[in-house]
């Protein structure tokens, strides 16, 4: 891993975006933590982890935020969307000047295929026209429902290198052409995201049986990993669709626990970033990651120190054989833990 990868991306409707959105979402997450007071046992972590999560929610609650002009935006007429695009561009400028934006930021436009193509292009062009010449360095444009690499190529042509590109993998036609996205993006492909529920629906799987870790999603994850192995392109998982919200404690705790379990499954499959759709999900995003890294980091650090003390030659420690390839994984793991402040 050569670039920092955020641990999540939070999606929010473009009409709701403000320059201080990250702080507001952090406050909502802290409010949920205070209201429902989950115990360390309920979230499978420790009290020390809960305290570190509180600090994270105060200082950097959102690592990556996507201003959504697609599914999270809803139905708006053209004039209204034009107004929202200009307002978003102004808010991005204000947030950049004030230093209130998350470390990573971007917009999601509509698909560049079918009936939404013209509106997607108008939204993108209007945003670029009004945002300013210089976008934040980590700014990215997310393209949903990609069916052909040519759609990514068109986005790259529109952006002319001004922003990174993300492709949403949620239609069957693109799954066997993943590697072609690299050339199509002209060196600006930042990441590929799994869109699990659109993908499952397109495969004819009924809504009651759609879940993040359906076998079809797992198969697609593995294709994504294999297609982009050895590159700097990051793979990203989708969201947990059961949200921790409501008026009763038990369903909120259950939703948090489901979110935790799905994050752990994603981590085991090599996906270190996922989507969060509700501010209260920030609680379990960070508690799960912090406990995960705190549990495994000491052994990883010991193995790395053992390897380095042996002048970086292959060594065995407690029946674990480490050579240059496994050590790259150890270093990447520890860097991810430091990037999200799980360890110092």
C-alpha atoms as a PDB file:
ATOM      1  CA  UNK A   1       0.000   0.000   0.000  1.00  0.00           C
ATOM      2  CA  UNK A   2       1.602   3.247  -1.138  1.00  0.00           C
ATOM      3  CA  UNK A   3      -1.263   5.678  -0.453  1.00  0.00           C
ATOM      4  CA  UNK A   4      -3.394   6.113   2.618  1.00  0.00           C
ATOM      5  CA  UNK A   5      -6.734   4.405   2.160  1.00  0.00           C
ATOM      6  CA  UNK A   6      -9.611   5.765   4.247  1.00  0.00           C
ATOM      7  CA  UNK A   7     -11.436   3.171   6.328  1.00  0.00           C
ATOM      8  CA  UNK A   8     -14.833   4.120   4.946  1.00  0.00           C
ATOM      9  CA  UNK A   9     -16.735   6.443   2.668  1.00  0.00           C
ATOM     10  CA  UNK A  10     -19.837   8.168   4.036  1.00  0.00           C
ATOM     11  CA  UNK A  11     -22.544   8.898   1.485  1.00  0.00           C
ATOM     12  CA  UNK A  12     -24.920  11.835   1.815  1.00  0.00           C
ATOM     13  CA  UNK A  13     -27.392  13.555  -0.499  1.00  0.00           C
ATOM     14  CA  UNK A  14     -25.907  16.550  -2.315  1.00  0.00           C
ATOM     15  CA  UNK A  15     -28.769  18.796  -1.148  1.00  0.00           C
ATOM     16  CA  UNK A  16     -27.633  18.212   2.457  1.00  0.00           C
ATOM     17  CA  UNK A  17     -23.929  18.974   2.042  1.00  0.00           C
ATOM     18  CA  UNK A  18     -22.367  21.754   4.124  1.00  0.00           C
ATOM     19  CA  UNK A  19     -18.707  22.759   4.622  1.00  0.00           C
ATOM     20  CA  UNK A  20     -18.792  21.443   8.211  1.00  0.00           C
ATOM     21  CA  UNK A  21     -20.613  18.185   7.424  1.00  0.00           C
ATOM     22  CA  UNK A  22     -17.884  16.034   9.038  1.00  0.00           C
ATOM     23  CA  UNK A  23     -18.218  17.747  12.425  1.00  0.00           C
ATOM     24  CA  UNK A  24     -22.010  17.494  12.310  1.00  0.00           C
ATOM     25  CA  UNK A  25     -21.891  13.779  11.560  1.00  0.00           C
ATOM     26  CA  UNK A  26     -19.362  13.251  14.342  1.00  0.00           C
ATOM     27  CA  UNK A  27     -21.669  15.001  16.803  1.00  0.00           C
ATOM     28  CA  UNK A  28     -24.591  12.806  15.732  1.00  0.00           C
ATOM     29  CA  UNK A  29     -22.448   9.698  16.201  1.00  0.00           C
ATOM     30  CA  UNK A  30     -21.389  10.857  19.670  1.00  0.00           C
ATOM     31  CA  UNK A  31     -25.036  11.529  20.472  1.00  0.00           C
ATOM     32  CA  UNK A  32     -25.954   7.974  19.495  1.00  0.00           C
ATOM     33  CA  UNK A  33     -23.112   6.624  21.627  1.00  0.00           C
ATOM     34  CA  UNK A  34     -24.342   8.641  24.609  1.00  0.00           C
ATOM     35  CA  UNK A  35     -28.025   7.840  24.071  1.00  0.00           C
ATOM     36  CA  UNK A  36     -27.734   4.083  23.685  1.00  0.00           C
ATOM     37  CA  UNK A  37     -24.615   3.600  25.853  1.00  0.00           C
ATOM     38  CA  UNK A  38     -23.445   0.305  24.327  1.00  0.00           C
ATOM     39  CA  UNK A  39     -21.222  -1.725  26.599  1.00  0.00           C
ATOM     40  CA  UNK A  40     -17.825  -2.953  25.505  1.00  0.00           C
ATOM     41  CA  UNK A  41     -19.234  -6.467  25.607  1.00  0.00           C
ATOM     42  CA  UNK A  42     -22.105  -5.611  23.280  1.00  0.00           C
ATOM     43  CA  UNK A  43     -19.695  -4.213  20.676  1.00  0.00           C
ATOM     44  CA  UNK A  44     -17.035  -6.870  21.324  1.00  0.00           C
ATOM     45  CA  UNK A  45     -14.319  -4.373  22.222  1.00  0.00           C
ATOM     46  CA  UNK A  46     -12.844  -2.841  25.390  1.00  0.00           C
ATOM     47  CA  UNK A  47     -13.546   0.301  27.394  1.00  0.00           C
ATOM     48  CA  UNK A  48     -10.184   1.660  26.231  1.00  0.00           C
ATOM     49  CA  UNK A  49     -11.290   1.218  22.625  1.00  0.00           C
ATOM     50  CA  UNK A  50     -14.559   3.052  23.302  1.00  0.00           C
ATOM     51  CA  UNK A  51     -12.605   5.998  24.693  1.00  0.00           C
ATOM     52  CA  UNK A  52     -10.319   6.096  21.672  1.00  0.00           C
ATOM     53  CA  UNK A  53     -13.372   6.021  19.425  1.00  0.00           C
ATOM     54  CA  UNK A  54     -14.847   8.997  21.279  1.00  0.00           C
ATOM     55  CA  UNK A  55     -11.669  10.937  20.594  1.00  0.00           C
ATOM     56  CA  UNK A  56     -11.739   9.937  16.924  1.00  0.00           C
ATOM     57  CA  UNK A  57     -15.351  11.131  16.614  1.00  0.00           C
ATOM     58  CA  UNK A  58     -14.307  14.490  18.042  1.00  0.00           C
ATOM     59  CA  UNK A  59     -11.172  15.026  15.979  1.00  0.00           C
ATOM     60  CA  UNK A  60     -11.610  13.184  12.645  1.00  0.00           C
ATOM     61  CA  UNK A  61     -15.077  11.627  12.574  1.00  0.00           C
ATOM     62  CA  UNK A  62     -15.234  11.224   8.799  1.00  0.00           C
ATOM     63  CA  UNK A  63     -12.263  10.091   6.731  1.00  0.00           C
ATOM     64  CA  UNK A  64     -13.970  10.114   3.341  1.00  0.00           C
ATOM     65  CA  UNK A  65     -17.249  11.708   2.251  1.00  0.00           C
ATOM     66  CA  UNK A  66     -19.117  11.386  -1.025  1.00  0.00           C
ATOM     67  CA  UNK A  67     -21.505  14.144  -2.066  1.00  0.00           C
ATOM     68  CA  UNK A  68     -24.187  12.100  -3.751  1.00  0.00           C
ATOM     69  CA  UNK A  69     -26.092  13.109  -6.885  1.00  0.00           C
ATOM     70  CA  UNK A  70     -27.361   9.573  -7.467  1.00  0.00           C
ATOM     71  CA  UNK A  71     -29.324   7.164  -5.242  1.00  0.00           C
ATOM     72  CA  UNK A  72     -28.830   9.198  -2.056  1.00  0.00           C
ATOM     73  CA  UNK A  73     -29.975  12.388  -3.745  1.00  0.00           C
ATOM     74  CA  UNK A  74     -33.518  11.494  -4.719  1.00  0.00           C
ATOM     75  CA  UNK A  75     -35.692  13.016  -7.424  1.00  0.00           C
ATOM     76  CA  UNK A  76     -35.178  16.678  -8.345  1.00  0.00           C
ATOM     77  CA  UNK A  77     -35.959  18.596 -11.509  1.00  0.00           C
ATOM     78  CA  UNK A  78     -33.146  19.995 -13.643  1.00  0.00           C
ATOM     79  CA  UNK A  79     -33.344  23.554 -12.335  1.00  0.00           C
ATOM     80  CA  UNK A  80     -33.260  22.387  -8.733  1.00  0.00           C
ATOM     81  CA  UNK A  81     -30.293  20.090  -9.371  1.00  0.00           C
ATOM     82  CA  UNK A  82     -28.449  22.946 -11.078  1.00  0.00           C
ATOM     83  CA  UNK A  83     -28.930  25.060  -7.956  1.00  0.00           C
ATOM     84  CA  UNK A  84     -27.724  22.229  -5.730  1.00  0.00           C
ATOM     85  CA  UNK A  85     -24.630  21.664  -7.886  1.00  0.00           C
ATOM     86  CA  UNK A  86     -23.638  25.330  -7.641  1.00  0.00           C
ATOM     87  CA  UNK A  87     -24.298  25.344  -3.884  1.00  0.00           C
ATOM     88  CA  UNK A  88     -22.154  22.202  -3.440  1.00  0.00           C
ATOM     89  CA  UNK A  89     -19.295  23.755  -5.433  1.00  0.00           C
ATOM     90  CA  UNK A  90     -19.464  26.858  -3.225  1.00  0.00           C
ATOM     91  CA  UNK A  91     -19.540  24.738  -0.042  1.00  0.00           C
ATOM     92  CA  UNK A  92     -16.493  22.725  -1.176  1.00  0.00           C
ATOM     93  CA  UNK A  93     -14.583  25.968  -1.766  1.00  0.00           C
ATOM     94  CA  UNK A  94     -15.622  27.299   1.645  1.00  0.00           C
ATOM     95  CA  UNK A  95     -14.697  24.058   3.406  1.00  0.00           C
ATOM     96  CA  UNK A  96     -11.311  23.943   1.698  1.00  0.00           C
ATOM     97  CA  UNK A  97     -10.564  27.522   2.756  1.00  0.00           C
ATOM     98  CA  UNK A  98     -11.744  26.929   6.331  1.00  0.00           C
ATOM     99  CA  UNK A  99     -10.016  23.548   6.695  1.00  0.00           C
ATOM    100  CA  UNK A 100     -13.252  21.789   7.692  1.00  0.00           C
ATOM    101  CA  UNK A 101     -13.448  19.185   4.919  1.00  0.00           C
ATOM    102  CA  UNK A 102     -12.690  15.499   5.585  1.00  0.00           C
ATOM    103  CA  UNK A 103      -9.245  14.271   4.481  1.00  0.00           C
ATOM    104  CA  UNK A 104     -10.876  12.654   1.423  1.00  0.00           C
ATOM    105  CA  UNK A 105     -13.842  14.048  -0.489  1.00  0.00           C
ATOM    106  CA  UNK A 106     -15.682  13.620  -3.776  1.00  0.00           C
ATOM    107  CA  UNK A 107     -18.958  13.545  -5.647  1.00  0.00           C
ATOM    108  CA  UNK A 108     -20.969  10.711  -7.126  1.00  0.00           C
ATOM    109  CA  UNK A 109     -22.682  11.534 -10.393  1.00  0.00           C
ATOM    110  CA  UNK A 110     -25.344   9.535 -12.203  1.00  0.00           C
ATOM    111  CA  UNK A 111     -24.371   6.734 -14.616  1.00  0.00           C
ATOM    112  CA  UNK A 112     -22.850   7.667 -17.957  1.00  0.00           C
ATOM    113  CA  UNK A 113     -25.148   5.261 -19.758  1.00  0.00           C
ATOM    114  CA  UNK A 114     -28.833   5.174 -20.598  1.00  0.00           C
ATOM    115  CA  UNK A 115     -31.245   7.991 -19.819  1.00  0.00           C
ATOM    116  CA  UNK A 116     -29.082   9.557 -17.069  1.00  0.00           C
ATOM    117  CA  UNK A 117     -26.015  10.256 -19.215  1.00  0.00           C
ATOM    118  CA  UNK A 118     -26.829  13.847 -20.203  1.00  0.00           C
ATOM    119  CA  UNK A 119     -27.827  14.863 -16.678  1.00  0.00           C
ATOM    120  CA  UNK A 120     -24.664  13.275 -15.259  1.00  0.00           C
ATOM    121  CA  UNK A 121     -22.480  15.235 -17.663  1.00  0.00           C
ATOM    122  CA  UNK A 122     -24.305  18.491 -16.941  1.00  0.00           C
ATOM    123  CA  UNK A 123     -23.901  18.010 -13.182  1.00  0.00           C
ATOM    124  CA  UNK A 124     -20.191  17.241 -13.535  1.00  0.00           C
ATOM    125  CA  UNK A 125     -19.474  20.152 -15.870  1.00  0.00           C
ATOM    126  CA  UNK A 126     -21.437  22.631 -13.766  1.00  0.00           C
ATOM    127  CA  UNK A 127     -19.631  21.523 -10.618  1.00  0.00           C
ATOM    128  CA  UNK A 128     -16.191  21.813 -12.212  1.00  0.00           C
ATOM    129  CA  UNK A 129     -17.117  25.214 -13.610  1.00  0.00           C
ATOM    130  CA  UNK A 130     -18.079  26.642 -10.209  1.00  0.00           C
ATOM    131  CA  UNK A 131     -15.831  24.838  -7.717  1.00  0.00           C
ATOM    132  CA  UNK A 132     -12.596  26.658  -8.701  1.00  0.00           C
ATOM    133  CA  UNK A 133      -9.605  25.702 -10.807  1.00  0.00           C
ATOM    134  CA  UNK A 134      -7.903  23.758  -8.007  1.00  0.00           C
ATOM    135  CA  UNK A 135      -9.748  20.883  -6.367  1.00  0.00           C
ATOM    136  CA  UNK A 136      -8.596  19.339  -3.065  1.00  0.00           C
ATOM    137  CA  UNK A 137      -5.739  16.908  -3.777  1.00  0.00           C
ATOM    138  CA  UNK A 138      -7.696  13.852  -2.639  1.00  0.00           C
ATOM    139  CA  UNK A 139     -10.873  14.757  -4.546  1.00  0.00           C
ATOM    140  CA  UNK A 140     -12.486  11.944  -6.509  1.00  0.00           C
ATOM    141  CA  UNK A 141     -15.513  11.456  -8.795  1.00  0.00           C
ATOM    142  CA  UNK A 142     -17.443   8.226  -8.343  1.00  0.00           C
ATOM    143  CA  UNK A 143     -19.099   6.709 -11.417  1.00  0.00           C
ATOM    144  CA  UNK A 144     -21.961   4.300 -10.634  1.00  0.00           C
ATOM    145  CA  UNK A 145     -23.384   1.352 -12.559  1.00  0.00           C
ATOM    146  CA  UNK A 146     -20.444   1.110 -14.934  1.00  0.00           C
ATOM    147  CA  UNK A 147     -21.203  -1.289 -17.769  1.00  0.00           C
ATOM    148  CA  UNK A 148     -18.284  -0.600 -20.141  1.00  0.00           C
ATOM    149  CA  UNK A 149     -14.742   0.783 -19.740  1.00  0.00           C
ATOM    150  CA  UNK A 150     -15.640   3.430 -22.307  1.00  0.00           C
ATOM    151  CA  UNK A 151     -17.788   5.167 -19.681  1.00  0.00           C
ATOM    152  CA  UNK A 152     -14.746   5.539 -17.437  1.00  0.00           C
ATOM    153  CA  UNK A 153     -12.764   6.819 -20.413  1.00  0.00           C
ATOM    154  CA  UNK A 154     -15.385   9.492 -21.021  1.00  0.00           C
ATOM    155  CA  UNK A 155     -15.232  10.562 -17.380  1.00  0.00           C
ATOM    156  CA  UNK A 156     -11.443  10.785 -17.604  1.00  0.00           C
ATOM    157  CA  UNK A 157     -11.770  12.970 -20.691  1.00  0.00           C
ATOM    158  CA  UNK A 158     -14.195  15.298 -18.889  1.00  0.00           C
ATOM    159  CA  UNK A 159     -11.975  15.587 -15.806  1.00  0.00           C
ATOM    160  CA  UNK A 160      -8.712  16.136 -17.731  1.00  0.00           C
ATOM    161  CA  UNK A 161      -6.691  14.983 -14.738  1.00  0.00           C
ATOM    162  CA  UNK A 162      -8.333  17.321 -12.212  1.00  0.00           C
ATOM    163  CA  UNK A 163      -9.643  14.552  -9.933  1.00  0.00           C
ATOM    164  CA  UNK A 164      -9.287  10.863  -9.197  1.00  0.00           C
ATOM    165  CA  UNK A 165     -11.821   8.381 -10.594  1.00  0.00           C
ATOM    166  CA  UNK A 166     -13.724   5.673  -8.727  1.00  0.00           C
ATOM    167  CA  UNK A 167     -15.782   3.014 -10.499  1.00  0.00           C
ATOM    168  CA  UNK A 168     -18.737   1.277  -8.889  1.00  0.00           C
ATOM    169  CA  UNK A 169     -18.831  -2.431  -9.721  1.00  0.00           C
ATOM    170  CA  UNK A 170     -22.519  -3.264  -9.635  1.00  0.00           C
ATOM    171  CA  UNK A 171     -23.462  -4.582 -13.087  1.00  0.00           C
ATOM    172  CA  UNK A 172     -22.576  -8.022 -14.504  1.00  0.00           C
ATOM    173  CA  UNK A 173     -21.147  -6.747 -17.848  1.00  0.00           C
ATOM    174  CA  UNK A 174     -18.171  -4.995 -16.229  1.00  0.00           C
ATOM    175  CA  UNK A 175     -17.070  -7.848 -13.973  1.00  0.00           C
ATOM    176  CA  UNK A 176     -15.076  -9.633 -16.688  1.00  0.00           C
ATOM    177  CA  UNK A 177     -13.532  -6.355 -17.926  1.00  0.00           C
ATOM    178  CA  UNK A 178     -12.213  -4.954 -14.647  1.00  0.00           C
ATOM    179  CA  UNK A 179      -8.570  -4.724 -15.702  1.00  0.00           C
ATOM    180  CA  UNK A 180      -9.552  -2.596 -18.726  1.00  0.00           C
ATOM    181  CA  UNK A 181     -10.631   0.168 -16.349  1.00  0.00           C
ATOM    182  CA  UNK A 182      -6.980   1.014 -15.624  1.00  0.00           C
ATOM    183  CA  UNK A 183      -6.203   2.139 -19.169  1.00  0.00           C
ATOM    184  CA  UNK A 184      -9.658   3.652 -19.605  1.00  0.00           C
ATOM    185  CA  UNK A 185      -9.049   6.003 -16.667  1.00  0.00           C
ATOM    186  CA  UNK A 186      -5.749   7.243 -18.072  1.00  0.00           C
ATOM    187  CA  UNK A 187      -3.784   6.692 -14.886  1.00  0.00           C
ATOM    188  CA  UNK A 188      -6.397   8.332 -12.647  1.00  0.00           C
ATOM    189  CA  UNK A 189      -8.278   5.267 -11.372  1.00  0.00           C
ATOM    190  CA  UNK A 190      -8.143   5.570  -7.584  1.00  0.00           C
ATOM    191  CA  UNK A 191     -10.423   2.733  -6.505  1.00  0.00           C
ATOM    192  CA  UNK A 192     -13.187   0.317  -7.407  1.00  0.00           C
ATOM    193  CA  UNK A 193     -16.209  -0.052  -5.126  1.00  0.00           C
ATOM    194  CA  UNK A 194     -18.551  -3.000  -4.835  1.00  0.00           C
ATOM    195  CA  UNK A 195     -22.210  -2.032  -5.209  1.00  0.00           C
ATOM    196  CA  UNK A 196     -23.712  -5.167  -3.665  1.00  0.00           C
ATOM    197  CA  UNK A 197     -27.435  -4.513  -3.785  1.00  0.00           C
ATOM    198  CA  UNK A 198     -27.653  -3.259  -7.373  1.00  0.00           C
ATOM    199  CA  UNK A 199     -25.454  -6.183  -8.391  1.00  0.00           C
ATOM    200  CA  UNK A 200     -27.649  -8.729  -6.614  1.00  0.00           C
ATOM    201  CA  UNK A 201     -30.821  -7.185  -8.027  1.00  0.00           C
ATOM    202  CA  UNK A 202     -29.372  -7.331 -11.543  1.00  0.00           C
ATOM    203  CA  UNK A 203     -28.721 -11.047 -11.000  1.00  0.00           C
ATOM    204  CA  UNK A 204     -32.380 -11.609 -10.132  1.00  0.00           C
ATOM    205  CA  UNK A 205     -31.825 -12.201  -6.422  1.00  0.00           C
ATOM    206  CA  UNK A 206     -34.925 -11.115  -4.504  1.00  0.00           C
ATOM    207  CA  UNK A 207     -34.670  -8.328  -1.918  1.00  0.00           C
ATOM    208  CA  UNK A 208     -35.200 -10.547   1.180  1.00  0.00           C
ATOM    209  CA  UNK A 209     -32.083 -12.535   0.229  1.00  0.00           C
ATOM    210  CA  UNK A 210     -29.812  -9.636  -0.650  1.00  0.00           C
ATOM    211  CA  UNK A 211     -26.956  -9.174   1.806  1.00  0.00           C
ATOM    212  CA  UNK A 212     -23.464  -7.750   1.744  1.00  0.00           C
ATOM    213  CA  UNK A 213     -21.804 -11.158   2.044  1.00  0.00           C
ATOM    214  CA  UNK A 214     -23.988 -13.063  -0.395  1.00  0.00           C
ATOM    215  CA  UNK A 215     -21.901 -15.587  -2.343  1.00  0.00           C
ATOM    216  CA  UNK A 216     -22.273 -13.505  -5.524  1.00  0.00           C
ATOM    217  CA  UNK A 217     -20.770 -10.504  -3.719  1.00  0.00           C
ATOM    218  CA  UNK A 218     -17.922 -12.593  -2.342  1.00  0.00           C
ATOM    219  CA  UNK A 219     -17.185 -13.900  -5.832  1.00  0.00           C
ATOM    220  CA  UNK A 220     -17.093 -10.323  -7.166  1.00  0.00           C
ATOM    221  CA  UNK A 221     -14.816  -9.209  -4.323  1.00  0.00           C
ATOM    222  CA  UNK A 222     -12.313 -11.895  -5.222  1.00  0.00           C
ATOM    223  CA  UNK A 223     -12.418 -10.867  -8.894  1.00  0.00           C
ATOM    224  CA  UNK A 224     -11.758  -7.272  -7.831  1.00  0.00           C
ATOM    225  CA  UNK A 225      -8.809  -8.314  -5.670  1.00  0.00           C
ATOM    226  CA  UNK A 226      -7.281 -10.415  -8.419  1.00  0.00           C
ATOM    227  CA  UNK A 227      -7.846  -7.829 -11.148  1.00  0.00           C
ATOM    228  CA  UNK A 228      -6.027  -5.080  -9.248  1.00  0.00           C
ATOM    229  CA  UNK A 229      -3.410  -7.088  -7.349  1.00  0.00           C
ATOM    230  CA  UNK A 230       0.000  -5.485  -7.644  1.00  0.00           C
ATOM    231  CA  UNK A 231      -1.416  -2.039  -8.488  1.00  0.00           C
ATOM    232  CA  UNK A 232      -2.090   1.022  -6.340  1.00  0.00           C
ATOM    233  CA  UNK A 233      -5.817   0.791  -7.065  1.00  0.00           C
ATOM    234  CA  UNK A 234      -7.818   0.319  -3.891  1.00  0.00           C
ATOM    235  CA  UNK A 235     -10.760  -2.058  -3.505  1.00  0.00           C
ATOM    236  CA  UNK A 236     -13.736  -0.954  -1.444  1.00  0.00           C
ATOM    237  CA  UNK A 237     -16.673  -2.888  -0.007  1.00  0.00           C
ATOM    238  CA  UNK A 238     -20.316  -1.854   0.092  1.00  0.00           C
ATOM    239  CA  UNK A 239     -22.591  -0.928   3.013  1.00  0.00           C
ATOM    240  CA  UNK A 240     -24.504  -2.689   5.737  1.00  0.00           C
ATOM    241  CA  UNK A 241     -28.091  -1.773   4.892  1.00  0.00           C
ATOM    242  CA  UNK A 242     -29.605  -2.334   8.357  1.00  0.00           C
ATOM    243  CA  UNK A 243     -29.137   1.045  10.053  1.00  0.00           C
ATOM    244  CA  UNK A 244     -28.744   1.747  13.811  1.00  0.00           C
ATOM    245  CA  UNK A 245     -31.693   4.077  14.162  1.00  0.00           C
ATOM    246  CA  UNK A 246     -35.084   4.133  15.839  1.00  0.00           C
ATOM    247  CA  UNK A 247     -36.644   4.720  19.233  1.00  0.00           C
ATOM    248  CA  UNK A 248     -35.753   1.452  20.974  1.00  0.00           C
ATOM    249  CA  UNK A 249     -32.358   0.355  22.210  1.00  0.00           C
ATOM    250  CA  UNK A 250     -32.452  -3.335  21.262  1.00  0.00           C
ATOM    251  CA  UNK A 251     -32.791  -2.857  17.456  1.00  0.00           C
ATOM    252  CA  UNK A 252     -30.041  -0.207  17.500  1.00  0.00           C
ATOM    253  CA  UNK A 253     -27.640  -2.532  19.324  1.00  0.00           C
ATOM    254  CA  UNK A 254     -28.552  -5.367  16.945  1.00  0.00           C
ATOM    255  CA  UNK A 255     -27.855  -3.144  13.922  1.00  0.00           C
ATOM    256  CA  UNK A 256     -24.496  -2.143  15.396  1.00  0.00           C
ATOM    257  CA  UNK A 257     -23.636  -5.795  15.953  1.00  0.00           C
ATOM    258  CA  UNK A 258     -24.566  -6.710  12.380  1.00  0.00           C
ATOM    259  CA  UNK A 259     -22.428  -3.842  11.110  1.00  0.00           C
ATOM    260  CA  UNK A 260     -19.519  -5.053  13.259  1.00  0.00           C
ATOM    261  CA  UNK A 261     -19.843  -8.627  11.993  1.00  0.00           C
ATOM    262  CA  UNK A 262     -19.938  -7.548   8.352  1.00  0.00           C
ATOM    263  CA  UNK A 263     -16.900  -5.285   8.759  1.00  0.00           C
ATOM    264  CA  UNK A 264     -14.959  -8.218  10.235  1.00  0.00           C
ATOM    265  CA  UNK A 265     -15.945 -10.458   7.330  1.00  0.00           C
ATOM    266  CA  UNK A 266     -14.813  -7.798   4.869  1.00  0.00           C
ATOM    267  CA  UNK A 267     -11.484  -7.401   6.659  1.00  0.00           C
ATOM    268  CA  UNK A 268     -10.938 -11.147   6.464  1.00  0.00           C
ATOM    269  CA  UNK A 269     -11.517 -10.975   2.692  1.00  0.00           C
ATOM    270  CA  UNK A 270      -8.957  -8.200   2.213  1.00  0.00           C
ATOM    271  CA  UNK A 271     -11.341  -5.229   2.046  1.00  0.00           C
ATOM    272  CA  UNK A 272     -10.242  -2.498   4.447  1.00  0.00           C
ATOM    273  CA  UNK A 273     -12.690   0.204   3.386  1.00  0.00           C
ATOM    274  CA  UNK A 274     -16.499   0.118   3.181  1.00  0.00           C
ATOM    275  CA  UNK A 275     -19.487   2.415   2.935  1.00  0.00           C
ATOM    276  CA  UNK A 276     -21.306   3.979   5.870  1.00  0.00           C
ATOM    277  CA  UNK A 277     -24.814   5.286   5.242  1.00  0.00           C
ATOM    278  CA  UNK A 278     -25.759   6.688   8.671  1.00  0.00           C
ATOM    279  CA  UNK A 279     -23.713   8.695  11.181  1.00  0.00           C
ATOM    280  CA  UNK A 280     -24.377   6.171  13.959  1.00  0.00           C
ATOM    281  CA  UNK A 281     -22.511   3.584  11.871  1.00  0.00           C
ATOM    282  CA  UNK A 282     -19.350   5.563  12.597  1.00  0.00           C
ATOM    283  CA  UNK A 283     -19.528   4.125  16.124  1.00  0.00           C
ATOM    284  CA  UNK A 284     -19.164   0.526  14.977  1.00  0.00           C
ATOM    285  CA  UNK A 285     -16.862   1.370  12.083  1.00  0.00           C
ATOM    286  CA  UNK A 286     -14.251   2.662  14.516  1.00  0.00           C
ATOM    287  CA  UNK A 287     -14.885   0.350  17.489  1.00  0.00           C
ATOM    288  CA  UNK A 288     -14.575  -2.682  15.225  1.00  0.00           C
ATOM    289  CA  UNK A 289     -11.425  -1.455  13.497  1.00  0.00           C
ATOM    290  CA  UNK A 290      -9.745  -0.243  16.666  1.00  0.00           C
ATOM    291  CA  UNK A 291     -10.367  -3.526  18.466  1.00  0.00           C
ATOM    292  CA  UNK A 292      -9.298  -5.495  15.385  1.00  0.00           C
ATOM    293  CA  UNK A 293      -6.010  -3.619  15.075  1.00  0.00           C
ATOM    294  CA  UNK A 294      -5.368  -3.571  18.833  1.00  0.00           C
ATOM    295  CA  UNK A 295      -5.846  -7.342  18.940  1.00  0.00           C
ATOM    296  CA  UNK A 296      -3.521  -8.174  16.044  1.00  0.00           C
ATOM    297  CA  UNK A 297      -0.980  -5.321  16.012  1.00  0.00           C
ATOM    298  CA  UNK A 298       1.283  -6.563  18.874  1.00  0.00           C
ATOM    299  CA  UNK A 299       1.947  -9.898  17.161  1.00  0.00           C
ATOM    300  CA  UNK A 300       2.455  -8.158  13.816  1.00  0.00           C
ATOM    301  CA  UNK A 301       4.915  -5.699  15.380  1.00  0.00           C
ATOM    302  CA  UNK A 302       6.835  -8.533  17.037  1.00  0.00           C
ATOM    303  CA  UNK A 303       7.093 -10.477  13.776  1.00  0.00           C
ATOM    304  CA  UNK A 304       8.278  -7.378  11.920  1.00  0.00           C
ATOM    305  CA  UNK A 305      10.880  -6.586  14.600  1.00  0.00           C
ATOM    306  CA  UNK A 306      12.092 -10.194  14.473  1.00  0.00           C
ATOM    307  CA  UNK A 307      12.522  -9.991  10.703  1.00  0.00           C
ATOM    308  CA  UNK A 308      14.313  -6.631  10.824  1.00  0.00           C
ATOM    309  CA  UNK A 309      16.661  -7.790  13.594  1.00  0.00           C
ATOM    310  CA  UNK A 310      17.713 -10.682  11.353  1.00  0.00           C
ATOM    311  CA  UNK A 311      18.944  -8.191   8.731  1.00  0.00           C
ATOM    312  CA  UNK A 312      15.733  -8.658   6.722  1.00  0.00           C
ATOM    313  CA  UNK A 313      16.294 -12.298   5.839  1.00  0.00           C
ATOM    314  CA  UNK A 314      13.640 -14.983   6.111  1.00  0.00           C
ATOM    315  CA  UNK A 315      12.984 -16.014   9.729  1.00  0.00           C
ATOM    316  CA  UNK A 316      10.702 -18.249  11.788  1.00  0.00           C
ATOM    317  CA  UNK A 317       8.932 -16.969  14.913  1.00  0.00           C
ATOM    318  CA  UNK A 318       6.562 -19.211  16.869  1.00  0.00           C
ATOM    319  CA  UNK A 319       6.136 -21.459  13.803  1.00  0.00           C
ATOM    320  CA  UNK A 320       5.374 -18.392  11.607  1.00  0.00           C
ATOM    321  CA  UNK A 321       7.652 -18.173   8.565  1.00  0.00           C
ATOM    322  CA  UNK A 322       8.235 -14.600   7.411  1.00  0.00           C
ATOM    323  CA  UNK A 323      10.036 -13.503   4.279  1.00  0.00           C
ATOM    324  CA  UNK A 324      10.002 -10.318   2.196  1.00  0.00           C
ATOM    325  CA  UNK A 325       6.515 -10.962   0.768  1.00  0.00           C
ATOM    326  CA  UNK A 326       4.805 -11.602   4.111  1.00  0.00           C
ATOM    327  CA  UNK A 327       6.635  -8.663   5.676  1.00  0.00           C
ATOM    328  CA  UNK A 328       5.138  -6.345   3.071  1.00  0.00           C
ATOM    329  CA  UNK A 329       1.751  -7.435   4.397  1.00  0.00           C
ATOM    330  CA  UNK A 330       2.838  -6.826   8.002  1.00  0.00           C
ATOM    331  CA  UNK A 331       4.002  -3.308   7.193  1.00  0.00           C
ATOM    332  CA  UNK A 332       0.845  -2.534   5.239  1.00  0.00           C
ATOM    333  CA  UNK A 333      -1.338  -3.782   8.105  1.00  0.00           C
ATOM    334  CA  UNK A 334       0.476  -1.631  10.672  1.00  0.00           C
ATOM    335  CA  UNK A 335       0.388   1.421   8.416  1.00  0.00           C
ATOM    336  CA  UNK A 336      -3.368   1.077   8.014  1.00  0.00           C
ATOM    337  CA  UNK A 337      -3.694   0.902  11.805  1.00  0.00           C
ATOM    338  CA  UNK A 338      -1.664   4.090  12.215  1.00  0.00           C
ATOM    339  CA  UNK A 339      -3.519   5.933   9.452  1.00  0.00           C
ATOM    340  CA  UNK A 340      -6.871   5.574  11.227  1.00  0.00           C
ATOM    341  CA  UNK A 341      -5.298   6.257  14.656  1.00  0.00           C
ATOM    342  CA  UNK A 342      -5.992   2.761  15.969  1.00  0.00           C
ATOM    343  CA  UNK A 343      -2.366   2.549  17.108  1.00  0.00           C
ATOM    344  CA  UNK A 344       0.362   5.147  17.541  1.00  0.00           C
END
